[in-house]
Structure formats: C-alpha cells, structure tokens
Amino acid sequence: MSKNVDRKVALILYADRNQAFHLSLFNNSWNLTEKSASAGDLRIGGKAFALREVDIRTPHLLTVHVGADRDALQSALAQALN
C-alpha cells in the first residue's frame, strides 16, 4: 500500500511473508540524521503500534519496522489517510 500525499510527501507500507511490517515516510522538507531516530510507539489515528526498529535511510526518508497485525495497521492507515 502506498500513498502520495503530495509531490513532497509519501507513505509506503510493506509486509513480508514473516509478517514484518515496514512503514516508510518520505518528506522532502526533512533533514534527518542518525540522532533523529528513536524507539517507542507509532500512533496512527489514536492507535499505538509498537516499533521494533527505526532506520534513517536518507535525510528525507524514515523507515519504521512495526510489530503489528497487518489488518489492524492497514485499517488504521486507511482511516487516517481518508
């Protein structure tokens, strides 16, 4: 599942066979560094999802690895993006 919010922001959700979910967030105006990464929860539409890992892939791209049920995560994202 992916969603281009506008020409500067994008969200990409990926699930592999092991039920590991990765949410990548791209924002052209970000300037992230390794110090920007932190652990905790990802909150989408008021629902908390536990983060297993946070990767700063580029200054504009952040990938979070989420420990969550695919349907619950996809449902929360769909509601938040509509």
Protein backbone atom coordinates (compact mmCIF):
# COMPACT_ATOMS: atom_id res chain seq x y z
CA MET A 1 0.00 0.00 0.00
CA SER A 2 1.37 3.42 -0.84
CA LYS A 3 0.00 6.92 -0.77
CA ASN A 4 1.45 10.08 -2.27
CA VAL A 5 0.14 12.87 -0.10
CA ASP A 6 1.54 15.50 -2.46
CA ARG A 7 4.68 15.91 -4.52
CA LYS A 8 6.77 16.29 -1.35
CA VAL A 9 5.37 13.63 0.99
CA ALA A 10 4.79 9.87 0.51
CA LEU A 11 3.88 6.86 2.69
CA ILE A 12 4.72 3.26 1.75
CA LEU A 13 3.56 0.20 3.71
CA TYR A 14 5.23 -3.16 3.07
CA ALA A 15 4.56 -6.57 4.64
CA ASP A 16 6.76 -9.61 4.04
CA ARG A 17 5.97 -13.31 4.49
CA ASN A 18 7.19 -13.24 8.09
CA GLN A 19 4.56 -10.64 8.98
CA ALA A 20 7.18 -7.94 9.46
CA PHE A 21 5.72 -4.58 8.57
CA HIS A 22 7.73 -1.63 7.35
CA LEU A 23 6.32 1.85 7.02
CA SER A 24 8.45 4.30 5.06
CA LEU A 25 7.76 8.00 5.30
CA PHE A 26 9.27 10.42 2.80
CA ASN A 27 9.16 14.15 3.36
CA ASN A 28 11.20 16.39 1.10
CA SER A 29 11.46 19.09 3.77
CA TRP A 30 13.02 16.81 6.42
CA ASN A 31 16.72 16.86 7.21
CA LEU A 32 17.06 13.72 9.36
CA THR A 33 20.26 12.43 10.93
CA GLU A 34 21.02 9.22 12.85
CA LYS A 35 20.42 11.19 16.04
CA SER A 36 16.84 11.78 14.88
CA ALA A 37 15.94 8.09 15.30
CA SER A 38 14.15 6.99 18.46
CA ALA A 39 12.17 3.99 19.63
CA GLY A 40 8.68 3.94 21.08
CA ASP A 41 5.25 3.69 19.56
CA LEU A 42 3.88 4.72 16.19
CA ARG A 43 0.47 6.35 16.65
CA ILE A 44 -1.94 6.28 13.75
CA GLY A 45 -5.48 7.54 14.24
CA GLY A 46 -5.13 7.29 18.03
CA LYS A 47 -3.97 3.65 17.91
CA ALA A 48 -0.47 2.78 19.18
CA PHE A 49 1.73 0.27 17.33
CA ALA A 50 5.00 -0.93 18.88
CA LEU A 51 8.14 -0.06 16.91
CA ARG A 52 10.82 -2.70 16.62
CA GLU A 53 13.34 -0.54 14.80
CA VAL A 54 13.74 2.91 13.24
CA ASP A 55 16.00 3.43 10.22
CA ILE A 56 17.05 6.80 8.84
CA ARG A 57 17.66 5.82 5.23
CA THR A 58 18.30 9.29 3.81
CA PRO A 59 17.82 12.80 5.21
CA HIS A 60 14.31 12.68 3.73
CA LEU A 61 13.33 9.01 4.24
CA LEU A 62 12.47 7.28 7.51
CA THR A 63 11.54 3.59 7.75
CA VAL A 64 9.95 2.16 10.88
CA HIS A 65 9.61 -1.57 11.49
CA VAL A 66 6.30 -2.19 13.20
CA GLY A 67 5.22 -5.19 15.27
CA ALA A 68 1.52 -5.25 14.45
CA ASP A 69 -1.24 -7.22 12.83
CA ARG A 70 -1.35 -6.34 9.12
CA ASP A 71 -5.10 -5.80 9.05
CA ALA A 72 -5.07 -3.53 12.10
CA LEU A 73 -2.20 -1.45 10.72
CA GLN A 74 -3.67 -1.22 7.23
CA SER A 75 -7.08 -0.27 8.63
CA ALA A 76 -5.62 2.48 10.83
CA LEU A 77 -3.62 3.89 7.90
CA ALA A 78 -6.61 3.79 5.54
CA GLN A 79 -8.76 5.67 8.07
CA ALA A 80 -6.04 8.24 8.78
CA LEU A 81 -5.39 8.92 5.08
CA ASN A 82 -9.04 9.36 4.09
